[in-house]
Amino acid sequence: MIKLRLKRFGKKKEASFRIVACNSTSRRDGRPLQELGFYNPRTKETRLDTEALRTRLTQGAQPTNVVRTLLEKGGLLEKTERPSIAIGKAKLEKEKLAKAKNKKEDDRSKAESESNEAES
């Protein structure tokens, strides 16, 4: 299977990446089948070879998560919400509702205790 992934190069602690097409079993910095772009995370600079990327994607190449986000920002892929993100958002909403419910219950119990103290 062909993967679109990042190949690290550059100095220590100042990494830059090339977007490459390679066999899924090859090493991270091994010899790629084709170089398709460049990404510098420090300056957020991205250069993409759109024609080559489109041909690789039509051939069935699978991008990694990071490369997928770069291609979505570049406009080559439609932005899709991944299941893990949807699950995370649902979990956050559930936690917010639980916190709001607990806060309401705490406010009620405080109000009841204050009214009981005022009566005595």
PDB file of N, CA and C in Angstrom:
ATOM      1  N   MET A   1       0.846  -1.175   0.000  1.00  0.00           N
ATOM      2  CA  MET A   1       0.000   0.000   0.000  1.00  0.00           C
ATOM      3  C   MET A   1       0.896   1.245   0.000  1.00  0.00           C
ATOM      4  N   ILE A   2       0.527   2.212  -0.790  1.00  0.00           N
ATOM      5  CA  ILE A   2       1.284   3.457  -0.865  1.00  0.00           C
ATOM      6  C   ILE A   2       0.718   4.444   0.144  1.00  0.00           C
ATOM      7  N   LYS A   3       1.619   5.057   0.918  1.00  0.00           N
ATOM      8  CA  LYS A   3       1.227   6.045   1.923  1.00  0.00           C
ATOM      9  C   LYS A   3       1.818   7.392   1.547  1.00  0.00           C
ATOM     10  N   LEU A   4       1.065   8.437   1.849  1.00  0.00           N
ATOM     11  CA  LEU A   4       1.593   9.798   1.746  1.00  0.00           C
ATOM     12  C   LEU A   4       1.945  10.202   3.160  1.00  0.00           C
ATOM     13  N   ARG A   5       3.220  10.433   3.415  1.00  0.00           N
ATOM     14  CA  ARG A   5       3.638  10.765   4.773  1.00  0.00           C
ATOM     15  C   ARG A   5       4.784  11.752   4.765  1.00  0.00           C
ATOM     16  N   LEU A   6       5.221  12.148   5.966  1.00  0.00           N
ATOM     17  CA  LEU A   6       6.284  13.135   6.097  1.00  0.00           C
ATOM     18  C   LEU A   6       7.636  12.456   6.239  1.00  0.00           C
ATOM     19  N   LYS A   7       8.637  13.027   5.597  1.00  0.00           N
ATOM     20  CA  LYS A   7      10.018  12.570   5.720  1.00  0.00           C
ATOM     21  C   LYS A   7      10.799  13.703   6.369  1.00  0.00           C
ATOM     22  N   ARG A   8      11.423  13.415   7.494  1.00  0.00           N
ATOM     23  CA  ARG A   8      12.086  14.458   8.280  1.00  0.00           C
ATOM     24  C   ARG A   8      13.472  14.736   7.707  1.00  0.00           C
ATOM     25  N   PHE A   9      13.820  16.021   7.668  1.00  0.00           N
ATOM     26  CA  PHE A   9      15.181  16.417   7.342  1.00  0.00           C
ATOM     27  C   PHE A   9      15.442  17.770   7.973  1.00  0.00           C
ATOM     28  N   GLY A  10      16.693  18.218   7.941  1.00  0.00           N
ATOM     29  CA  GLY A  10      17.062  19.491   8.566  1.00  0.00           C
ATOM     30  C   GLY A  10      17.929  19.259   9.784  1.00  0.00           C
ATOM     31  N   LYS A  11      18.252  20.365  10.466  1.00  0.00           N
ATOM     32  CA  LYS A  11      19.120  20.286  11.640  1.00  0.00           C
ATOM     33  C   LYS A  11      18.392  19.698  12.838  1.00  0.00           C
ATOM     34  N   LYS A  12      19.197  19.400  13.863  1.00  0.00           N
ATOM     35  CA  LYS A  12      18.604  18.970  15.130  1.00  0.00           C
ATOM     36  C   LYS A  12      17.755  20.095  15.679  1.00  0.00           C
ATOM     37  N   LYS A  13      16.612  19.770  16.220  1.00  0.00           N
ATOM     38  CA  LYS A  13      15.685  20.717  16.849  1.00  0.00           C
ATOM     39  C   LYS A  13      15.145  21.762  15.879  1.00  0.00           C
ATOM     40  N   GLU A  14      15.471  21.645  14.596  1.00  0.00           N
ATOM     41  CA  GLU A  14      14.950  22.556  13.574  1.00  0.00           C
ATOM     42  C   GLU A  14      14.498  21.730  12.370  1.00  0.00           C
ATOM     43  N   ALA A  15      13.593  20.827  12.623  1.00  0.00           N
ATOM     44  CA  ALA A  15      13.181  19.889  11.587  1.00  0.00           C
ATOM     45  C   ALA A  15      12.303  20.551  10.544  1.00  0.00           C
ATOM     46  N   SER A  16      12.442  20.086   9.334  1.00  0.00           N
ATOM     47  CA  SER A  16      11.539  20.395   8.233  1.00  0.00           C
ATOM     48  C   SER A  16      11.110  19.056   7.672  1.00  0.00           C
ATOM     49  N   PHE A  17      10.066  19.043   6.893  1.00  0.00           N
ATOM     50  CA  PHE A  17       9.545  17.782   6.394  1.00  0.00           C
ATOM     51  C   PHE A  17       9.256  17.864   4.912  1.00  0.00           C
ATOM     52  N   ARG A  18       9.464  16.750   4.231  1.00  0.00           N
ATOM     53  CA  ARG A  18       9.044  16.611   2.850  1.00  0.00           C
ATOM     54  C   ARG A  18       7.845  15.683   2.833  1.00  0.00           C
ATOM     55  N   ILE A  19       6.871  16.003   2.019  1.00  0.00           N
ATOM     56  CA  ILE A  19       5.716  15.130   1.843  1.00  0.00           C
ATOM     57  C   ILE A  19       6.082  14.168   0.725  1.00  0.00           C
ATOM     58  N   VAL A  20       6.060  12.872   1.040  1.00  0.00           N
ATOM     59  CA  VAL A  20       6.505  11.876   0.083  1.00  0.00           C
ATOM     60  C   VAL A  20       5.491  10.755  -0.066  1.00  0.00           C
ATOM     61  N   ALA A  21       5.552  10.081  -1.200  1.00  0.00           N
ATOM     62  CA  ALA A  21       4.785   8.858  -1.423  1.00  0.00           C
ATOM     63  C   ALA A  21       5.772   7.708  -1.291  1.00  0.00           C
ATOM     64  N   CYS A  22       5.432   6.755  -0.424  1.00  0.00           N
ATOM     65  CA  CYS A  22       6.326   5.620  -0.234  1.00  0.00           C
ATOM     66  C   CYS A  22       5.523   4.384   0.149  1.00  0.00           C
ATOM     67  N   ASN A  23       6.183   3.258   0.098  1.00  0.00           N
ATOM     68  CA  ASN A  23       5.557   2.009   0.489  1.00  0.00           C
ATOM     69  C   ASN A  23       5.313   2.051   1.994  1.00  0.00           C
ATOM     70  N   SER A  24       4.214   1.490   2.452  1.00  0.00           N
ATOM     71  CA  SER A  24       3.859   1.588   3.870  1.00  0.00           C
ATOM     72  C   SER A  24       4.838   0.850   4.772  1.00  0.00           C
ATOM     73  N   THR A  25       5.595  -0.098   4.227  1.00  0.00           N
ATOM     74  CA  THR A  25       6.531  -0.857   5.058  1.00  0.00           C
ATOM     75  C   THR A  25       7.930  -0.255   5.084  1.00  0.00           C
ATOM     76  N   SER A  26       8.168   0.805   4.322  1.00  0.00           N
ATOM     77  CA  SER A  26       9.508   1.394   4.293  1.00  0.00           C
ATOM     78  C   SER A  26       9.737   2.300   5.495  1.00  0.00           C
ATOM     79  N   ARG A  27      11.014   2.606   5.757  1.00  0.00           N
ATOM     80  CA  ARG A  27      11.384   3.435   6.900  1.00  0.00           C
ATOM     81  C   ARG A  27      10.951   4.882   6.695  1.00  0.00           C
ATOM     82  N   ARG A  28      10.878   5.632   7.817  1.00  0.00           N
ATOM     83  CA  ARG A  28      10.424   7.024   7.759  1.00  0.00           C
ATOM     84  C   ARG A  28      11.296   7.855   6.830  1.00  0.00           C
ATOM     85  N   ASP A  29      12.613   7.720   6.957  1.00  0.00           N
ATOM     86  CA  ASP A  29      13.522   8.520   6.149  1.00  0.00           C
ATOM     87  C   ASP A  29      14.135   7.712   5.006  1.00  0.00           C
ATOM     88  N   GLY A  30      13.494   6.606   4.658  1.00  0.00           N
ATOM     89  CA  GLY A  30      13.990   5.780   3.561  1.00  0.00           C
ATOM     90  C   GLY A  30      13.748   6.438   2.219  1.00  0.00           C
ATOM     91  N   ARG A  31      14.182   5.754   1.177  1.00  0.00           N
ATOM     92  CA  ARG A  31      14.041   6.301  -0.174  1.00  0.00           C
ATOM     93  C   ARG A  31      12.580   6.271  -0.597  1.00  0.00           C
ATOM     94  N   PRO A  32      12.005   7.434  -0.926  1.00  0.00           N
ATOM     95  CA  PRO A  32      10.589   7.485  -1.311  1.00  0.00           C
ATOM     96  C   PRO A  32      10.389   7.151  -2.783  1.00  0.00           C
ATOM     97  N   LEU A  33       9.150   6.864  -3.133  1.00  0.00           N
ATOM     98  CA  LEU A  33       8.806   6.657  -4.538  1.00  0.00           C
ATOM     99  C   LEU A  33       8.789   7.996  -5.269  1.00  0.00           C
ATOM    100  N   GLN A  34       8.290   9.032  -4.573  1.00  0.00           N
ATOM    101  CA  GLN A  34       8.163  10.349  -5.198  1.00  0.00           C
ATOM    102  C   GLN A  34       8.045  11.409  -4.101  1.00  0.00           C
ATOM    103  N   GLU A  35       8.678  12.557  -4.308  1.00  0.00           N
ATOM    104  CA  GLU A  35       8.539  13.681  -3.389  1.00  0.00           C
ATOM    105  C   GLU A  35       7.437  14.588  -3.915  1.00  0.00           C
ATOM    106  N   LEU A  36       6.480  14.927  -3.034  1.00  0.00           N
ATOM    107  CA  LEU A  36       5.276  15.625  -3.478  1.00  0.00           C
ATOM    108  C   LEU A  36       5.104  17.016  -2.880  1.00  0.00           C
ATOM    109  N   GLY A  37       5.956  17.388  -1.940  1.00  0.00           N
ATOM    110  CA  GLY A  37       5.797  18.701  -1.343  1.00  0.00           C
ATOM    111  C   GLY A  37       6.755  18.920  -0.199  1.00  0.00           C
ATOM    112  N   PHE A  38       6.541  20.022   0.501  1.00  0.00           N
ATOM    113  CA  PHE A  38       7.424  20.457   1.565  1.00  0.00           C
ATOM    114  C   PHE A  38       6.592  21.101   2.662  1.00  0.00           C
ATOM    115  N   TYR A  39       6.992  20.895   3.931  1.00  0.00           N
ATOM    116  CA  TYR A  39       6.299  21.517   5.062  1.00  0.00           C
ATOM    117  C   TYR A  39       7.312  21.916   6.109  1.00  0.00           C
ATOM    118  N   ASN A  40       7.272  23.193   6.509  1.00  0.00           N
ATOM    119  CA  ASN A  40       8.135  23.692   7.574  1.00  0.00           C
ATOM    120  C   ASN A  40       7.251  24.113   8.739  1.00  0.00           C
ATOM    121  N   PRO A  41       7.238  23.361   9.847  1.00  0.00           N
ATOM    122  CA  PRO A  41       6.336  23.673  10.956  1.00  0.00           C
ATOM    123  C   PRO A  41       6.694  24.953  11.707  1.00  0.00           C
ATOM    124  N   ARG A  42       7.948  25.393  11.621  1.00  0.00           N
ATOM    125  CA  ARG A  42       8.340  26.614  12.338  1.00  0.00           C
ATOM    126  C   ARG A  42       7.784  27.856  11.671  1.00  0.00           C
ATOM    127  N   THR A  43       7.806  27.885  10.335  1.00  0.00           N
ATOM    128  CA  THR A  43       7.298  29.058   9.612  1.00  0.00           C
ATOM    129  C   THR A  43       5.912  28.806   9.019  1.00  0.00           C
ATOM    130  N   LYS A  44       5.400  27.592   9.183  1.00  0.00           N
ATOM    131  CA  LYS A  44       4.104  27.168   8.635  1.00  0.00           C
ATOM    132  C   LYS A  44       4.080  27.245   7.108  1.00  0.00           C
ATOM    133  N   GLU A  45       5.250  27.195   6.494  1.00  0.00           N
ATOM    134  CA  GLU A  45       5.340  27.237   5.029  1.00  0.00           C
ATOM    135  C   GLU A  45       5.016  25.852   4.466  1.00  0.00           C
ATOM    136  N   THR A  46       4.160  25.818   3.465  1.00  0.00           N
ATOM    137  CA  THR A  46       3.790  24.562   2.819  1.00  0.00           C
ATOM    138  C   THR A  46       3.816  24.752   1.313  1.00  0.00           C
ATOM    139  N   ARG A  47       4.521  23.861   0.621  1.00  0.00           N
ATOM    140  CA  ARG A  47       4.518  23.854  -0.834  1.00  0.00           C
ATOM    141  C   ARG A  47       4.056  22.476  -1.283  1.00  0.00           C
ATOM    142  N   LEU A  48       3.050  22.423  -2.144  1.00  0.00           N
ATOM    143  CA  LEU A  48       2.491  21.154  -2.593  1.00  0.00           C
ATOM    144  C   LEU A  48       2.551  21.042  -4.108  1.00  0.00           C
ATOM    145  N   ASP A  49       2.934  19.876  -4.608  1.00  0.00           N
ATOM    146  CA  ASP A  49       2.884  19.577  -6.039  1.00  0.00           C
ATOM    147  C   ASP A  49       1.492  18.996  -6.301  1.00  0.00           C
ATOM    148  N   THR A  50       0.547  19.874  -6.642  1.00  0.00           N
ATOM    149  CA  THR A  50      -0.862  19.484  -6.690  1.00  0.00           C
ATOM    150  C   THR A  50      -1.151  18.402  -7.729  1.00  0.00           C
ATOM    151  N   GLU A  51      -0.536  18.496  -8.897  1.00  0.00           N
ATOM    152  CA  GLU A  51      -0.797  17.502  -9.939  1.00  0.00           C
ATOM    153  C   GLU A  51      -0.340  16.113  -9.503  1.00  0.00           C
ATOM    154  N   ALA A  52       0.867  16.032  -8.967  1.00  0.00           N
ATOM    155  CA  ALA A  52       1.400  14.741  -8.527  1.00  0.00           C
ATOM    156  C   ALA A  52       0.584  14.193  -7.360  1.00  0.00           C
ATOM    157  N   LEU A  53       0.167  15.062  -6.455  1.00  0.00           N
ATOM    158  CA  LEU A  53      -0.652  14.622  -5.320  1.00  0.00           C
ATOM    159  C   LEU A  53      -1.995  14.082  -5.792  1.00  0.00           C
ATOM    160  N   ARG A  54      -2.617  14.772  -6.736  1.00  0.00           N
ATOM    161  CA  ARG A  54      -3.909  14.303  -7.254  1.00  0.00           C
ATOM    162  C   ARG A  54      -3.779  12.929  -7.908  1.00  0.00           C
ATOM    163  N   THR A  55      -2.708  12.737  -8.687  1.00  0.00           N
ATOM    164  CA  THR A  55      -2.539  11.432  -9.335  1.00  0.00           C
ATOM    165  C   THR A  55      -2.313  10.333  -8.311  1.00  0.00           C
ATOM    166  N   ARG A  56      -1.516  10.610  -7.274  1.00  0.00           N
ATOM    167  CA  ARG A  56      -1.274   9.607  -6.231  1.00  0.00           C
ATOM    168  C   ARG A  56      -2.567   9.291  -5.471  1.00  0.00           C
ATOM    169  N   LEU A  57      -3.370  10.316  -5.187  1.00  0.00           N
ATOM    170  CA  LEU A  57      -4.623  10.083  -4.467  1.00  0.00           C
ATOM    171  C   LEU A  57      -5.604   9.280  -5.309  1.00  0.00           C
ATOM    172  N   THR A  58      -5.637   9.533  -6.617  1.00  0.00           N
ATOM    173  CA  THR A  58      -6.533   8.760  -7.483  1.00  0.00           C
ATOM    174  C   THR A  58      -6.052   7.318  -7.621  1.00  0.00           C
ATOM    175  N   GLN A  59      -4.752   7.085  -7.457  1.00  0.00           N
ATOM    176  CA  GLN A  59      -4.210   5.730  -7.503  1.00  0.00           C
ATOM    177  C   GLN A  59      -4.495   4.963  -6.210  1.00  0.00           C
ATOM    178  N   GLY A  60      -4.978   5.666  -5.179  1.00  0.00           N
ATOM    179  CA  GLY A  60      -5.339   4.981  -3.938  1.00  0.00           C
ATOM    180  C   GLY A  60      -4.364   5.175  -2.798  1.00  0.00           C
ATOM    181  N   ALA A  61      -3.467   6.125  -2.904  1.00  0.00           N
ATOM    182  CA  ALA A  61      -2.517   6.377  -1.813  1.00  0.00           C
ATOM    183  C   ALA A  61      -3.266   6.908  -0.600  1.00  0.00           C
ATOM    184  N   GLN A  62      -2.882   6.441   0.582  1.00  0.00           N
ATOM    185  CA  GLN A  62      -3.539   6.836   1.832  1.00  0.00           C
ATOM    186  C   GLN A  62      -2.663   7.837   2.583  1.00  0.00           C
ATOM    187  N   PRO A  63      -3.149   9.058   2.821  1.00  0.00           N
ATOM    188  CA  PRO A  63      -2.354  10.022   3.587  1.00  0.00           C
ATOM    189  C   PRO A  63      -2.437   9.745   5.085  1.00  0.00           C
ATOM    190  N   THR A  64      -1.365  10.068   5.809  1.00  0.00           N
ATOM    191  CA  THR A  64      -1.393   9.992   7.260  1.00  0.00           C
ATOM    192  C   THR A  64      -2.224  11.165   7.777  1.00  0.00           C
ATOM    193  N   ASN A  65      -2.502  11.190   9.071  1.00  0.00           N
ATOM    194  CA  ASN A  65      -3.354  12.241   9.638  1.00  0.00           C
ATOM    195  C   ASN A  65      -2.772  13.631   9.422  1.00  0.00           C
ATOM    196  N   VAL A  66      -1.467  13.788   9.650  1.00  0.00           N
ATOM    197  CA  VAL A  66      -0.839  15.104   9.499  1.00  0.00           C
ATOM    198  C   VAL A  66      -0.865  15.543   8.038  1.00  0.00           C
ATOM    199  N   VAL A  67      -0.549  14.641   7.142  1.00  0.00           N
ATOM    200  CA  VAL A  67      -0.561  14.972   5.718  1.00  0.00           C
ATOM    201  C   VAL A  67      -1.988  15.281   5.266  1.00  0.00           C
ATOM    202  N   ARG A  68      -2.964  14.546   5.812  1.00  0.00           N
ATOM    203  CA  ARG A  68      -4.367  14.810   5.470  1.00  0.00           C
ATOM    204  C   ARG A  68      -4.747  16.249   5.841  1.00  0.00           C
ATOM    205  N   THR A  69      -4.349  16.710   7.028  1.00  0.00           N
ATOM    206  CA  THR A  69      -4.686  18.083   7.425  1.00  0.00           C
ATOM    207  C   THR A  69      -3.988  19.094   6.523  1.00  0.00           C
ATOM    208  N   LEU A  70      -2.744  18.809   6.122  1.00  0.00           N
ATOM    209  CA  LEU A  70      -2.047  19.713   5.205  1.00  0.00           C
ATOM    210  C   LEU A  70      -2.751  19.765   3.846  1.00  0.00           C
ATOM    211  N   LEU A  71      -3.219  18.624   3.372  1.00  0.00           N
ATOM    212  CA  LEU A  71      -3.924  18.592   2.083  1.00  0.00           C
ATOM    213  C   LEU A  71      -5.283  19.275   2.189  1.00  0.00           C
ATOM    214  N   GLU A  72      -5.939  19.157   3.340  1.00  0.00           N
ATOM    215  CA  GLU A  72      -7.217  19.858   3.536  1.00  0.00           C
ATOM    216  C   GLU A  72      -7.000  21.360   3.537  1.00  0.00           C
ATOM    217  N   LYS A  73      -5.928  21.822   4.187  1.00  0.00           N
ATOM    218  CA  LYS A  73      -5.631  23.255   4.198  1.00  0.00           C
ATOM    219  C   LYS A  73      -5.248  23.744   2.811  1.00  0.00           C
ATOM    220  N   GLY A  74      -4.592  22.883   2.031  1.00  0.00           N
ATOM    221  CA  GLY A  74      -4.205  23.229   0.671  1.00  0.00           C
ATOM    222  C   GLY A  74      -5.343  23.145  -0.326  1.00  0.00           C
ATOM    223  N   GLY A  75      -6.472  22.578   0.090  1.00  0.00           N
ATOM    224  CA  GLY A  75      -7.634  22.502  -0.779  1.00  0.00           C
ATOM    225  C   GLY A  75      -7.675  21.287  -1.684  1.00  0.00           C
ATOM    226  N   LEU A  76      -6.805  20.308  -1.457  1.00  0.00           N
ATOM    227  CA  LEU A  76      -6.803  19.111  -2.300  1.00  0.00           C
ATOM    228  C   LEU A  76      -7.796  18.057  -1.831  1.00  0.00           C
ATOM    229  N   LEU A  77      -8.119  18.060  -0.553  1.00  0.00           N
ATOM    230  CA  LEU A  77      -9.092  17.118  -0.003  1.00  0.00           C
ATOM    231  C   LEU A  77     -10.220  17.890   0.653  1.00  0.00           C
ATOM    232  N   GLU A  78     -11.404  17.285   0.638  1.00  0.00           N
ATOM    233  CA  GLU A  78     -12.520  17.885   1.365  1.00  0.00           C
ATOM    234  C   GLU A  78     -12.295  17.669   2.844  1.00  0.00           C
ATOM    235  N   LYS A  79     -12.657  18.670   3.611  1.00  0.00           N
ATOM    236  CA  LYS A  79     -12.481  18.554   5.050  1.00  0.00           C
ATOM    237  C   LYS A  79     -13.555  17.619   5.594  1.00  0.00           C
ATOM    238  N   THR A  80     -13.126  16.524   6.178  1.00  0.00           N
ATOM    239  CA  THR A  80     -14.059  15.560   6.750  1.00  0.00           C
ATOM    240  C   THR A  80     -13.811  15.475   8.243  1.00  0.00           C
ATOM    241  N   GLU A  81     -14.876  15.304   8.981  1.00  0.00           N
ATOM    242  CA  GLU A  81     -14.731  15.161  10.422  1.00  0.00           C
ATOM    243  C   GLU A  81     -14.456  13.702  10.728  1.00  0.00           C
ATOM    244  N   ARG A  82     -13.319  13.475  11.354  1.00  0.00           N
ATOM    245  CA  ARG A  82     -12.924  12.107  11.677  1.00  0.00           C
ATOM    246  C   ARG A  82     -13.704  11.597  12.868  1.00  0.00           C
ATOM    247  N   PRO A  83     -13.945  10.304  12.963  1.00  0.00           N
ATOM    248  CA  PRO A  83     -14.723   9.742  14.071  1.00  0.00           C
ATOM    249  C   PRO A  83     -14.133  10.056  15.439  1.00  0.00           C
ATOM    250  N   SER A  84     -12.824  10.054  15.542  1.00  0.00           N
ATOM    251  CA  SER A  84     -12.206  10.323  16.847  1.00  0.00           C
ATOM    252  C   SER A  84     -12.509  11.751  17.301  1.00  0.00           C
ATOM    253  N   ILE A  85     -12.542  12.687  16.375  1.00  0.00           N
ATOM    254  CA  ILE A  85     -12.847  14.075  16.723  1.00  0.00           C
ATOM    255  C   ILE A  85     -14.311  14.192  17.127  1.00  0.00           C
ATOM    256  N   ALA A  86     -15.197  13.522  16.401  1.00  0.00           N
ATOM    257  CA  ALA A  86     -16.625  13.563  16.724  1.00  0.00           C
ATOM    258  C   ALA A  86     -16.878  12.976  18.106  1.00  0.00           C
ATOM    259  N   ILE A  87     -16.206  11.882  18.423  1.00  0.00           N
ATOM    260  CA  ILE A  87     -16.359  11.259  19.748  1.00  0.00           C
ATOM    261  C   ILE A  87     -15.862  12.199  20.826  1.00  0.00           C
ATOM    262  N   GLY A  88     -14.734  12.853  20.577  1.00  0.00           N
ATOM    263  CA  GLY A  88     -14.178  13.791  21.545  1.00  0.00           C
ATOM    264  C   GLY A  88     -15.109  14.966  21.803  1.00  0.00           C
ATOM    265  N   LYS A  89     -15.711  15.505  20.737  1.00  0.00           N
ATOM    266  CA  LYS A  89     -16.643  16.622  20.891  1.00  0.00           C
ATOM    267  C   LYS A  89     -17.872  16.196  21.668  1.00  0.00           C
ATOM    268  N   ALA A  90     -18.390  15.007  21.382  1.00  0.00           N
ATOM    269  CA  ALA A  90     -19.565  14.505  22.102  1.00  0.00           C
ATOM    270  C   ALA A  90     -19.247  14.318  23.581  1.00  0.00           C
ATOM    271  N   LYS A  91     -18.059  13.835  23.872  1.00  0.00           N
ATOM    272  CA  LYS A  91     -17.643  13.631  25.258  1.00  0.00           C
ATOM    273  C   LYS A  91     -17.555  14.969  25.996  1.00  0.00           C
ATOM    274  N   LEU A  92     -17.008  15.988  25.345  1.00  0.00           N
ATOM    275  CA  LEU A  92     -16.922  17.318  25.960  1.00  0.00           C
ATOM    276  C   LEU A  92     -18.297  17.885  26.243  1.00  0.00           C
ATOM    277  N   GLU A  93     -19.215  17.738  25.301  1.00  0.00           N
ATOM    278  CA  GLU A  93     -20.584  18.229  25.499  1.00  0.00           C
ATOM    279  C   GLU A  93     -21.244  17.517  26.676  1.00  0.00           C
ATOM    280  N   LYS A  94     -21.029  16.219  26.772  1.00  0.00           N
ATOM    281  CA  LYS A  94     -21.601  15.437  27.860  1.00  0.00           C
ATOM    282  C   LYS A  94     -21.067  15.925  29.209  1.00  0.00           C
ATOM    283  N   GLU A  95     -19.757  16.188  29.258  1.00  0.00           N
ATOM    284  CA  GLU A  95     -19.135  16.683  30.496  1.00  0.00           C
ATOM    285  C   GLU A  95     -19.672  18.057  30.865  1.00  0.00           C
ATOM    286  N   LYS A  96     -19.861  18.928  29.878  1.00  0.00           N
ATOM    287  CA  LYS A  96     -20.408  20.263  30.146  1.00  0.00           C
ATOM    288  C   LYS A  96     -21.808  20.172  30.738  1.00  0.00           C
ATOM    289  N   LEU A  97     -22.640  19.293  30.151  1.00  0.00           N
ATOM    290  CA  LEU A  97     -24.004  19.119  30.662  1.00  0.00           C
ATOM    291  C   LEU A  97     -23.989  18.581  32.090  1.00  0.00           C
ATOM    292  N   ALA A  98     -23.096  17.644  32.365  1.00  0.00           N
ATOM    293  CA  ALA A  98     -23.006  17.072  33.708  1.00  0.00           C
ATOM    294  C   ALA A  98     -22.563  18.137  34.709  1.00  0.00           C
ATOM    295  N   LYS A  99     -21.599  18.967  34.336  1.00  0.00           N
ATOM    296  CA  LYS A  99     -21.137  20.037  35.221  1.00  0.00           C
ATOM    297  C   LYS A  99     -22.251  21.036  35.485  1.00  0.00           C
ATOM    298  N   ALA A 100     -22.998  21.404  34.439  1.00  0.00           N
ATOM    299  CA  ALA A 100     -24.098  22.360  34.601  1.00  0.00           C
ATOM    300  C   ALA A 100     -25.165  21.780  35.525  1.00  0.00           C
ATOM    301  N   LYS A 101     -25.454  20.490  35.357  1.00  0.00           N
ATOM    302  CA  LYS A 101     -26.458  19.834  36.202  1.00  0.00           C
ATOM    303  C   LYS A 101     -25.995  19.799  37.661  1.00  0.00           C
ATOM    304  N   ASN A 102     -24.736  19.460  37.891  1.00  0.00           N
ATOM    305  CA  ASN A 102     -24.184  19.431  39.246  1.00  0.00           C
ATOM    306  C   ASN A 102     -24.196  20.819  39.879  1.00  0.00           C
ATOM    307  N   LYS A 103     -23.903  21.830  39.076  1.00  0.00           N
ATOM    308  CA  LYS A 103     -23.891  23.195  39.593  1.00  0.00           C
ATOM    309  C   LYS A 103     -25.293  23.622  40.027  1.00  0.00           C
ATOM    310  N   LYS A 104     -26.303  23.282  39.220  1.00  0.00           N
ATOM    311  CA  LYS A 104     -27.689  23.615  39.573  1.00  0.00           C
ATOM    312  C   LYS A 104     -28.089  22.927  40.875  1.00  0.00           C
ATOM    313  N   GLU A 105     -27.711  21.647  41.008  1.00  0.00           N
ATOM    314  CA  GLU A 105     -28.045  20.907  42.227  1.00  0.00           C
ATOM    315  C   GLU A 105     -27.343  21.512  43.440  1.00  0.00           C
ATOM    316  N   ASP A 106     -26.097  21.920  43.276  1.00  0.00           N
ATOM    317  CA  ASP A 106     -25.357  22.548  44.381  1.00  0.00           C
ATOM    318  C   ASP A 106     -26.002  23.870  44.781  1.00  0.00           C
ATOM    319  N   ASP A 107     -26.414  24.652  43.778  1.00  0.00           N
ATOM    320  CA  ASP A 107     -27.070  25.930  44.068  1.00  0.00           C
ATOM    321  C   ASP A 107     -28.381  25.711  44.826  1.00  0.00           C
ATOM    322  N   ARG A 108     -29.151  24.704  44.423  1.00  0.00           N
ATOM    323  CA  ARG A 108     -30.410  24.398  45.102  1.00  0.00           C
ATOM    324  C   ARG A 108     -30.170  23.980  46.547  1.00  0.00           C
ATOM    325  N   SER A 109     -29.173  23.111  46.749  1.00  0.00           N
ATOM    326  CA  SER A 109     -28.907  22.626  48.115  1.00  0.00           C
ATOM    327  C   SER A 109     -28.406  23.775  48.997  1.00  0.00           C
ATOM    328  N   LYS A 110     -27.618  24.682  48.443  1.00  0.00           N
ATOM    329  CA  LYS A 110     -27.143  25.837  49.210  1.00  0.00           C
ATOM    330  C   LYS A 110     -28.317  26.741  49.584  1.00  0.00           C
ATOM    331  N   ALA A 111     -29.215  26.952  48.623  1.00  0.00           N
ATOM    332  CA  ALA A 111     -30.378  27.803  48.879  1.00  0.00           C
ATOM    333  C   ALA A 111     -31.267  27.178  49.953  1.00  0.00           C
ATOM    334  N   GLU A 112     -31.459  25.868  49.905  1.00  0.00           N
ATOM    335  CA  GLU A 112     -32.269  25.176  50.910  1.00  0.00           C
ATOM    336  C   GLU A 112     -31.625  25.262  52.289  1.00  0.00           C
ATOM    337  N   SER A 113     -30.310  25.074  52.360  1.00  0.00           N
ATOM    338  CA  SER A 113     -29.636  25.136  53.650  1.00  0.00           C
ATOM    339  C   SER A 113     -29.680  26.553  54.231  1.00  0.00           C
ATOM    340  N   GLU A 114     -29.545  27.535  53.365  1.00  0.00           N
ATOM    341  CA  GLU A 114     -29.638  28.940  53.831  1.00  0.00           C
ATOM    342  C   GLU A 114     -31.040  29.277  54.336  1.00  0.00           C
ATOM    343  N   SER A 115     -32.062  28.763  53.631  1.00  0.00           N
ATOM    344  CA  SER A 115     -33.425  29.026  54.070  1.00  0.00           C
ATOM    345  C   SER A 115     -33.731  28.298  55.390  1.00  0.00           C
ATOM    346  N   ASN A 116     -33.170  27.104  55.555  1.00  0.00           N
ATOM    347  CA  ASN A 116     -33.348  26.363  56.812  1.00  0.00           C
ATOM    348  C   ASN A 116     -32.667  27.094  57.981  1.00  0.00           C
ATOM    349  N   GLU A 117     -31.480  27.649  57.726  1.00  0.00           N
ATOM    350  CA  GLU A 117     -30.757  28.390  58.757  1.00  0.00           C
ATOM    351  C   GLU A 117     -31.504  29.667  59.127  1.00  0.00           C
ATOM    352  N   ALA A 118     -32.117  30.302  58.134  1.00  0.00           N
ATOM    353  CA  ALA A 118     -32.844  31.550  58.380  1.00  0.00           C
ATOM    354  C   ALA A 118     -34.089  31.280  59.200  1.00  0.00           C
ATOM    355  N   GLU A 119     -34.733  30.122  59.002  1.00  0.00           N
ATOM    356  CA  GLU A 119     -35.939  29.772  59.755  1.00  0.00           C
ATOM    357  C   GLU A 119     -35.605  29.468  61.218  1.00  0.00           C
ATOM    358  N   SER A 120     -34.439  28.903  61.491  1.00  0.00           N
ATOM    359  CA  SER A 120     -34.119  28.535  62.871  1.00  0.00           C
ATOM    360  C   SER A 120     -33.580  29.665  63.637  1.00  0.00           C
TER     361      SER A 120
END
